[in-house]
Amino acid sequence: MTSFPVSSVDYEHMFELAPVSLWLEDYSALRQLFTRWRAEGVSDIRAHLAGDPERLGACSAALKVLGSTNAPWCFSQRPIRPR
């Protein structure tokens, strides 16, 4: 069997054409936030988040969507997905 080299462009093309909803997300800022809280002595994340609801907002703000397939936008009123 012959193997063909696959480039990042090929993977990007497969991602774009996937018939299901796929999201590429960056959680690195959330990990940094959790690492900071751990260094500050937080051992119970549920209690820490319940103690101040704005902390949950900080967690949400730390998540970054880098891209998605077209599938989730096919079912909405938007003609194309936002960039």
PDB file of N, CA and C in Angstrom:
ATOM      1  N   MET A   1       0.844  -1.174   0.000  1.00  0.00           N
ATOM      2  CA  MET A   1       0.000   0.000   0.000  1.00  0.00           C
ATOM      3  C   MET A   1       0.891   1.240   0.000  1.00  0.00           C
ATOM      4  N   THR A   2       0.553   2.196  -0.819  1.00  0.00           N
ATOM      5  CA  THR A   2       1.307   3.438  -0.913  1.00  0.00           C
ATOM      6  C   THR A   2       0.728   4.461   0.047  1.00  0.00           C
ATOM      7  N   SER A   3       1.600   5.115   0.797  1.00  0.00           N
ATOM      8  CA  SER A   3       1.113   6.181   1.681  1.00  0.00           C
ATOM      9  C   SER A   3       1.390   7.525   1.025  1.00  0.00           C
ATOM     10  N   PHE A   4       0.466   8.421   1.177  1.00  0.00           N
ATOM     11  CA  PHE A   4       0.591   9.752   0.606  1.00  0.00           C
ATOM     12  C   PHE A   4       0.786  10.744   1.742  1.00  0.00           C
ATOM     13  N   PRO A   5       1.680  11.695   1.568  1.00  0.00           N
ATOM     14  CA  PRO A   5       1.857  12.697   2.620  1.00  0.00           C
ATOM     15  C   PRO A   5       0.602  13.565   2.735  1.00  0.00           C
ATOM     16  N   VAL A   6       0.234  13.843   3.960  1.00  0.00           N
ATOM     17  CA  VAL A   6      -0.943  14.665   4.210  1.00  0.00           C
ATOM     18  C   VAL A   6      -0.461  15.988   4.790  1.00  0.00           C
ATOM     19  N   SER A   7      -0.887  17.076   4.184  1.00  0.00           N
ATOM     20  CA  SER A   7      -0.453  18.389   4.645  1.00  0.00           C
ATOM     21  C   SER A   7      -1.487  18.994   5.593  1.00  0.00           C
ATOM     22  N   SER A   8      -1.101  20.065   6.252  1.00  0.00           N
ATOM     23  CA  SER A   8      -2.032  20.762   7.145  1.00  0.00           C
ATOM     24  C   SER A   8      -3.197  21.338   6.349  1.00  0.00           C
ATOM     25  N   VAL A   9      -2.966  21.662   5.091  1.00  0.00           N
ATOM     26  CA  VAL A   9      -4.049  22.163   4.236  1.00  0.00           C
ATOM     27  C   VAL A   9      -5.086  21.076   4.030  1.00  0.00           C
ATOM     28  N   ASP A  10      -4.627  19.830   3.869  1.00  0.00           N
ATOM     29  CA  ASP A  10      -5.557  18.706   3.708  1.00  0.00           C
ATOM     30  C   ASP A  10      -6.425  18.547   4.956  1.00  0.00           C
ATOM     31  N   TYR A  11      -5.782  18.636   6.131  1.00  0.00           N
ATOM     32  CA  TYR A  11      -6.546  18.508   7.375  1.00  0.00           C
ATOM     33  C   TYR A  11      -7.528  19.668   7.536  1.00  0.00           C
ATOM     34  N   GLU A  12      -7.098  20.864   7.178  1.00  0.00           N
ATOM     35  CA  GLU A  12      -7.991  22.023   7.270  1.00  0.00           C
ATOM     36  C   GLU A  12      -9.191  21.847   6.341  1.00  0.00           C
ATOM     37  N   HIS A  13      -8.934  21.313   5.151  1.00  0.00           N
ATOM     38  CA  HIS A  13     -10.014  21.081   4.193  1.00  0.00           C
ATOM     39  C   HIS A  13     -10.997  20.032   4.734  1.00  0.00           C
ATOM     40  N   MET A  14     -10.471  18.952   5.328  1.00  0.00           N
ATOM     41  CA  MET A  14     -11.343  17.926   5.909  1.00  0.00           C
ATOM     42  C   MET A  14     -12.165  18.517   7.055  1.00  0.00           C
ATOM     43  N   PHE A  15     -11.538  19.357   7.864  1.00  0.00           N
ATOM     44  CA  PHE A  15     -12.227  20.002   8.985  1.00  0.00           C
ATOM     45  C   PHE A  15     -13.378  20.860   8.461  1.00  0.00           C
ATOM     46  N   GLU A  16     -13.096  21.671   7.460  1.00  0.00           N
ATOM     47  CA  GLU A  16     -14.108  22.579   6.902  1.00  0.00           C
ATOM     48  C   GLU A  16     -15.297  21.826   6.310  1.00  0.00           C
ATOM     49  N   LEU A  17     -15.050  20.679   5.716  1.00  0.00           N
ATOM     50  CA  LEU A  17     -16.111  19.939   5.023  1.00  0.00           C
ATOM     51  C   LEU A  17     -16.814  18.897   5.889  1.00  0.00           C
ATOM     52  N   ALA A  18     -16.402  18.760   7.135  1.00  0.00           N
ATOM     53  CA  ALA A  18     -17.022  17.755   8.008  1.00  0.00           C
ATOM     54  C   ALA A  18     -18.527  18.018   8.110  1.00  0.00           C
ATOM     55  N   PRO A  19     -19.338  16.980   7.953  1.00  0.00           N
ATOM     56  CA  PRO A  19     -20.797  17.152   7.982  1.00  0.00           C
ATOM     57  C   PRO A  19     -21.374  17.252   9.397  1.00  0.00           C
ATOM     58  N   VAL A  20     -20.508  17.334  10.391  1.00  0.00           N
ATOM     59  CA  VAL A  20     -20.952  17.451  11.782  1.00  0.00           C
ATOM     60  C   VAL A  20     -20.342  18.704  12.388  1.00  0.00           C
ATOM     61  N   SER A  21     -20.884  19.101  13.501  1.00  0.00           N
ATOM     62  CA  SER A  21     -20.394  20.285  14.189  1.00  0.00           C
ATOM     63  C   SER A  21     -19.102  19.960  14.934  1.00  0.00           C
ATOM     64  N   LEU A  22     -18.012  20.573  14.519  1.00  0.00           N
ATOM     65  CA  LEU A  22     -16.721  20.445  15.191  1.00  0.00           C
ATOM     66  C   LEU A  22     -16.243  21.847  15.550  1.00  0.00           C
ATOM     67  N   TRP A  23     -15.724  21.989  16.743  1.00  0.00           N
ATOM     68  CA  TRP A  23     -15.229  23.285  17.202  1.00  0.00           C
ATOM     69  C   TRP A  23     -13.779  23.137  17.607  1.00  0.00           C
ATOM     70  N   LEU A  24     -12.957  24.056  17.178  1.00  0.00           N
ATOM     71  CA  LEU A  24     -11.559  24.112  17.578  1.00  0.00           C
ATOM     72  C   LEU A  24     -11.460  25.215  18.634  1.00  0.00           C
ATOM     73  N   GLU A  25     -11.134  24.815  19.874  1.00  0.00           N
ATOM     74  CA  GLU A  25     -11.131  25.759  20.987  1.00  0.00           C
ATOM     75  C   GLU A  25      -9.784  25.761  21.699  1.00  0.00           C
ATOM     76  N   ASP A  26      -9.444  26.894  22.267  1.00  0.00           N
ATOM     77  CA  ASP A  26      -8.204  27.057  23.019  1.00  0.00           C
ATOM     78  C   ASP A  26      -8.557  27.215  24.496  1.00  0.00           C
ATOM     79  N   TYR A  27      -8.128  26.256  25.298  1.00  0.00           N
ATOM     80  CA  TYR A  27      -8.395  26.253  26.735  1.00  0.00           C
ATOM     81  C   TYR A  27      -7.168  26.676  27.556  1.00  0.00           C
ATOM     82  N   SER A  28      -6.115  27.144  26.904  1.00  0.00           N
ATOM     83  CA  SER A  28      -4.865  27.437  27.610  1.00  0.00           C
ATOM     84  C   SER A  28      -5.032  28.534  28.659  1.00  0.00           C
ATOM     85  N   ALA A  29      -5.820  29.559  28.387  1.00  0.00           N
ATOM     86  CA  ALA A  29      -6.029  30.632  29.372  1.00  0.00           C
ATOM     87  C   ALA A  29      -6.810  30.117  30.586  1.00  0.00           C
ATOM     88  N   LEU A  30      -7.736  29.182  30.365  1.00  0.00           N
ATOM     89  CA  LEU A  30      -8.476  28.590  31.477  1.00  0.00           C
ATOM     90  C   LEU A  30      -7.538  27.763  32.351  1.00  0.00           C
ATOM     91  N   ARG A  31      -6.648  27.030  31.718  1.00  0.00           N
ATOM     92  CA  ARG A  31      -5.661  26.250  32.476  1.00  0.00           C
ATOM     93  C   ARG A  31      -4.786  27.186  33.314  1.00  0.00           C
ATOM     94  N   GLN A  32      -4.371  28.294  32.753  1.00  0.00           N
ATOM     95  CA  GLN A  32      -3.558  29.264  33.497  1.00  0.00           C
ATOM     96  C   GLN A  32      -4.334  29.806  34.694  1.00  0.00           C
ATOM     97  N   LEU A  33      -5.623  30.061  34.521  1.00  0.00           N
ATOM     98  CA  LEU A  33      -6.463  30.550  35.612  1.00  0.00           C
ATOM     99  C   LEU A  33      -6.553  29.512  36.723  1.00  0.00           C
ATOM    100  N   PHE A  34      -6.794  28.253  36.359  1.00  0.00           N
ATOM    101  CA  PHE A  34      -6.864  27.177  37.351  1.00  0.00           C
ATOM    102  C   PHE A  34      -5.521  26.988  38.062  1.00  0.00           C
ATOM    103  N   THR A  35      -4.439  27.092  37.304  1.00  0.00           N
ATOM    104  CA  THR A  35      -3.105  26.958  37.896  1.00  0.00           C
ATOM    105  C   THR A  35      -2.851  28.080  38.904  1.00  0.00           C
ATOM    106  N   ARG A  36      -3.270  29.285  38.576  1.00  0.00           N
ATOM    107  CA  ARG A  36      -3.107  30.413  39.504  1.00  0.00           C
ATOM    108  C   ARG A  36      -3.914  30.188  40.773  1.00  0.00           C
ATOM    109  N   TRP A  37      -5.165  29.736  40.608  1.00  0.00           N
ATOM    110  CA  TRP A  37      -6.012  29.493  41.782  1.00  0.00           C
ATOM    111  C   TRP A  37      -5.410  28.391  42.653  1.00  0.00           C
ATOM    112  N   ARG A  38      -4.892  27.349  42.014  1.00  0.00           N
ATOM    113  CA  ARG A  38      -4.261  26.275  42.779  1.00  0.00           C
ATOM    114  C   ARG A  38      -3.070  26.815  43.571  1.00  0.00           C
ATOM    115  N   ALA A  39      -2.266  27.669  42.947  1.00  0.00           N
ATOM    116  CA  ALA A  39      -1.115  28.266  43.619  1.00  0.00           C
ATOM    117  C   ALA A  39      -1.549  29.165  44.784  1.00  0.00           C
ATOM    118  N   GLU A  40      -2.763  29.722  44.686  1.00  0.00           N
ATOM    119  CA  GLU A  40      -3.306  30.563  45.759  1.00  0.00           C
ATOM    120  C   GLU A  40      -3.944  29.733  46.872  1.00  0.00           C
ATOM    121  N   GLY A  41      -3.948  28.404  46.700  1.00  0.00           N
ATOM    122  CA  GLY A  41      -4.450  27.525  47.744  1.00  0.00           C
ATOM    123  C   GLY A  41      -5.839  26.947  47.527  1.00  0.00           C
ATOM    124  N   VAL A  42      -6.435  27.186  46.375  1.00  0.00           N
ATOM    125  CA  VAL A  42      -7.771  26.642  46.092  1.00  0.00           C
ATOM    126  C   VAL A  42      -7.650  25.133  45.878  1.00  0.00           C
ATOM    127  N   SER A  43      -8.411  24.372  46.654  1.00  0.00           N
ATOM    128  CA  SER A  43      -8.406  22.915  46.493  1.00  0.00           C
ATOM    129  C   SER A  43      -9.792  22.380  46.124  1.00  0.00           C
ATOM    130  N   ASP A  44     -10.838  23.176  46.326  1.00  0.00           N
ATOM    131  CA  ASP A  44     -12.208  22.780  45.982  1.00  0.00           C
ATOM    132  C   ASP A  44     -12.751  23.784  44.966  1.00  0.00           C
ATOM    133  N   ILE A  45     -12.656  23.433  43.677  1.00  0.00           N
ATOM    134  CA  ILE A  45     -13.048  24.357  42.613  1.00  0.00           C
ATOM    135  C   ILE A  45     -14.541  24.688  42.665  1.00  0.00           C
ATOM    136  N   ARG A  46     -15.376  23.715  43.011  1.00  0.00           N
ATOM    137  CA  ARG A  46     -16.823  23.983  43.096  1.00  0.00           C
ATOM    138  C   ARG A  46     -17.120  25.028  44.158  1.00  0.00           C
ATOM    139  N   ALA A  47     -16.524  24.864  45.328  1.00  0.00           N
ATOM    140  CA  ALA A  47     -16.740  25.836  46.403  1.00  0.00           C
ATOM    141  C   ALA A  47     -16.173  27.199  46.012  1.00  0.00           C
ATOM    142  N   HIS A  48     -15.042  27.194  45.343  1.00  0.00           N
ATOM    143  CA  HIS A  48     -14.411  28.451  44.929  1.00  0.00           C
ATOM    144  C   HIS A  48     -15.299  29.202  43.934  1.00  0.00           C
ATOM    145  N   LEU A  49     -15.855  28.483  42.972  1.00  0.00           N
ATOM    146  CA  LEU A  49     -16.740  29.114  41.985  1.00  0.00           C
ATOM    147  C   LEU A  49     -18.062  29.546  42.621  1.00  0.00           C
ATOM    148  N   ALA A  50     -18.586  28.736  43.534  1.00  0.00           N
ATOM    149  CA  ALA A  50     -19.845  29.081  44.210  1.00  0.00           C
ATOM    150  C   ALA A  50     -19.666  30.295  45.119  1.00  0.00           C
ATOM    151  N   GLY A  51     -18.452  30.502  45.631  1.00  0.00           N
ATOM    152  CA  GLY A  51     -18.182  31.620  46.520  1.00  0.00           C
ATOM    153  C   GLY A  51     -18.253  32.968  45.835  1.00  0.00           C
ATOM    154  N   ASP A  52     -18.060  33.002  44.534  1.00  0.00           N
ATOM    155  CA  ASP A  52     -18.122  34.250  43.772  1.00  0.00           C
ATOM    156  C   ASP A  52     -18.508  33.911  42.335  1.00  0.00           C
ATOM    157  N   PRO A  53     -19.775  34.148  41.969  1.00  0.00           N
ATOM    158  CA  PRO A  53     -20.246  33.797  40.622  1.00  0.00           C
ATOM    159  C   PRO A  53     -19.456  34.471  39.495  1.00  0.00           C
ATOM    160  N   GLU A  54     -18.794  35.581  39.770  1.00  0.00           N
ATOM    161  CA  GLU A  54     -18.019  36.244  38.722  1.00  0.00           C
ATOM    162  C   GLU A  54     -16.805  35.402  38.304  1.00  0.00           C
ATOM    163  N   ARG A  55     -16.391  34.492  39.163  1.00  0.00           N
ATOM    164  CA  ARG A  55     -15.286  33.600  38.804  1.00  0.00           C
ATOM    165  C   ARG A  55     -15.673  32.691  37.648  1.00  0.00           C
ATOM    166  N   LEU A  56     -16.927  32.283  37.623  1.00  0.00           N
ATOM    167  CA  LEU A  56     -17.410  31.454  36.514  1.00  0.00           C
ATOM    168  C   LEU A  56     -17.366  32.260  35.217  1.00  0.00           C
ATOM    169  N   GLY A  57     -17.691  33.533  35.305  1.00  0.00           N
ATOM    170  CA  GLY A  57     -17.591  34.412  34.133  1.00  0.00           C
ATOM    171  C   GLY A  57     -16.163  34.525  33.643  1.00  0.00           C
ATOM    172  N   ALA A  58     -15.216  34.562  34.585  1.00  0.00           N
ATOM    173  CA  ALA A  58     -13.806  34.609  34.204  1.00  0.00           C
ATOM    174  C   ALA A  58     -13.407  33.330  33.472  1.00  0.00           C
ATOM    175  N   CYS A  59     -13.970  32.200  33.895  1.00  0.00           N
ATOM    176  CA  CYS A  59     -13.695  30.923  33.217  1.00  0.00           C
ATOM    177  C   CYS A  59     -14.236  30.964  31.791  1.00  0.00           C
ATOM    178  N   SER A  60     -15.452  31.442  31.624  1.00  0.00           N
ATOM    179  CA  SER A  60     -16.053  31.518  30.289  1.00  0.00           C
ATOM    180  C   SER A  60     -15.274  32.463  29.391  1.00  0.00           C
ATOM    181  N   ALA A  61     -14.841  33.574  29.954  1.00  0.00           N
ATOM    182  CA  ALA A  61     -14.094  34.557  29.165  1.00  0.00           C
ATOM    183  C   ALA A  61     -12.739  34.018  28.741  1.00  0.00           C
ATOM    184  N   ALA A  62     -12.203  33.056  29.484  1.00  0.00           N
ATOM    185  CA  ALA A  62     -10.892  32.493  29.167  1.00  0.00           C
ATOM    186  C   ALA A  62     -10.937  31.545  27.966  1.00  0.00           C
ATOM    187  N   LEU A  63     -12.102  31.032  27.622  1.00  0.00           N
ATOM    188  CA  LEU A  63     -12.230  30.101  26.492  1.00  0.00           C
ATOM    189  C   LEU A  63     -12.236  30.863  25.179  1.00  0.00           C
ATOM    190  N   LYS A  64     -11.489  30.382  24.221  1.00  0.00           N
ATOM    191  CA  LYS A  64     -11.416  31.020  22.908  1.00  0.00           C
ATOM    192  C   LYS A  64     -11.793  30.020  21.832  1.00  0.00           C
ATOM    193  N   VAL A  65     -12.766  30.383  20.996  1.00  0.00           N
ATOM    194  CA  VAL A  65     -13.131  29.561  19.845  1.00  0.00           C
ATOM    195  C   VAL A  65     -12.249  29.987  18.685  1.00  0.00           C
ATOM    196  N   LEU A  66     -11.469  29.055  18.186  1.00  0.00           N
ATOM    197  CA  LEU A  66     -10.546  29.342  17.092  1.00  0.00           C
ATOM    198  C   LEU A  66     -11.168  29.083  15.729  1.00  0.00           C
ATOM    199  N   GLY A  67     -12.180  28.211  15.696  1.00  0.00           N
ATOM    200  CA  GLY A  67     -12.825  27.898  14.432  1.00  0.00           C
ATOM    201  C   GLY A  67     -13.890  26.848  14.616  1.00  0.00           C
ATOM    202  N   SER A  68     -14.699  26.687  13.596  1.00  0.00           N
ATOM    203  CA  SER A  68     -15.732  25.648  13.608  1.00  0.00           C
ATOM    204  C   SER A  68     -16.007  25.218  12.179  1.00  0.00           C
ATOM    205  N   THR A  69     -16.612  24.053  12.064  1.00  0.00           N
ATOM    206  CA  THR A  69     -17.030  23.598  10.739  1.00  0.00           C
ATOM    207  C   THR A  69     -18.256  24.398  10.331  1.00  0.00           C
ATOM    208  N   ASN A  70     -18.643  24.268   9.088  1.00  0.00           N
ATOM    209  CA  ASN A  70     -19.818  24.981   8.608  1.00  0.00           C
ATOM    210  C   ASN A  70     -21.122  24.364   9.103  1.00  0.00           C
ATOM    211  N   ALA A  71     -21.088  23.120   9.557  1.00  0.00           N
ATOM    212  CA  ALA A  71     -22.308  22.404   9.932  1.00  0.00           C
ATOM    213  C   ALA A  71     -23.190  23.154  10.930  1.00  0.00           C
ATOM    214  N   PRO A  72     -22.669  23.734  12.027  1.00  0.00           N
ATOM    215  CA  PRO A  72     -23.581  24.394  12.963  1.00  0.00           C
ATOM    216  C   PRO A  72     -24.265  25.615  12.371  1.00  0.00           C
ATOM    217  N   TRP A  73     -23.672  26.218  11.382  1.00  0.00           N
ATOM    218  CA  TRP A  73     -24.236  27.424  10.791  1.00  0.00           C
ATOM    219  C   TRP A  73     -25.246  27.095   9.701  1.00  0.00           C
ATOM    220  N   CYS A  74     -25.264  25.861   9.221  1.00  0.00           N
ATOM    221  CA  CYS A  74     -26.212  25.464   8.188  1.00  0.00           C
ATOM    222  C   CYS A  74     -27.641  25.455   8.712  1.00  0.00           C
ATOM    223  N   PHE A  75     -27.807  25.301  10.021  1.00  0.00           N
ATOM    224  CA  PHE A  75     -29.131  25.200  10.607  1.00  0.00           C
ATOM    225  C   PHE A  75     -29.613  26.514  11.205  1.00  0.00           C
ATOM    226  N   SER A  76     -28.811  27.539  11.102  1.00  0.00           N
ATOM    227  CA  SER A  76     -29.207  28.831  11.665  1.00  0.00           C
ATOM    228  C   SER A  76     -29.652  29.762  10.545  1.00  0.00           C
ATOM    229  N   GLN A  77     -30.033  30.959  10.927  1.00  0.00           N
ATOM    230  CA  GLN A  77     -30.460  31.949   9.952  1.00  0.00           C
ATOM    231  C   GLN A  77     -29.272  32.613   9.263  1.00  0.00           C
ATOM    232  N   ARG A  78     -28.083  32.413   9.798  1.00  0.00           N
ATOM    233  CA  ARG A  78     -26.899  33.037   9.218  1.00  0.00           C
ATOM    234  C   ARG A  78     -26.461  32.279   7.970  1.00  0.00           C
ATOM    235  N   PRO A  79     -26.149  33.000   6.896  1.00  0.00           N
ATOM    236  CA  PRO A  79     -25.734  32.323   5.676  1.00  0.00           C
ATOM    237  C   PRO A  79     -24.348  31.703   5.777  1.00  0.00           C
ATOM    238  N   ILE A  80     -23.435  32.315   6.510  1.00  0.00           N
ATOM    239  CA  ILE A  80     -22.095  31.762   6.691  1.00  0.00           C
ATOM    240  C   ILE A  80     -21.677  31.961   8.135  1.00  0.00           C
ATOM    241  N   ARG A  81     -20.736  31.169   8.579  1.00  0.00           N
ATOM    242  CA  ARG A  81     -20.283  31.275   9.956  1.00  0.00           C
ATOM    243  C   ARG A  81     -19.401  32.498  10.131  1.00  0.00           C
ATOM    244  N   PRO A  82     -19.410  33.068  11.327  1.00  0.00           N
ATOM    245  CA  PRO A  82     -18.543  34.224  11.580  1.00  0.00           C
ATOM    246  C   PRO A  82     -17.091  33.798  11.666  1.00  0.00           C
ATOM    247  N   ARG A  83     -16.184  34.695  11.390  1.00  0.00           N
ATOM    248  CA  ARG A  83     -14.738  34.428  11.486  1.00  0.00           C
ATOM    249  C   ARG A  83     -14.160  35.208  12.628  1.00  0.00           C
TER     250      ARG A  83
END
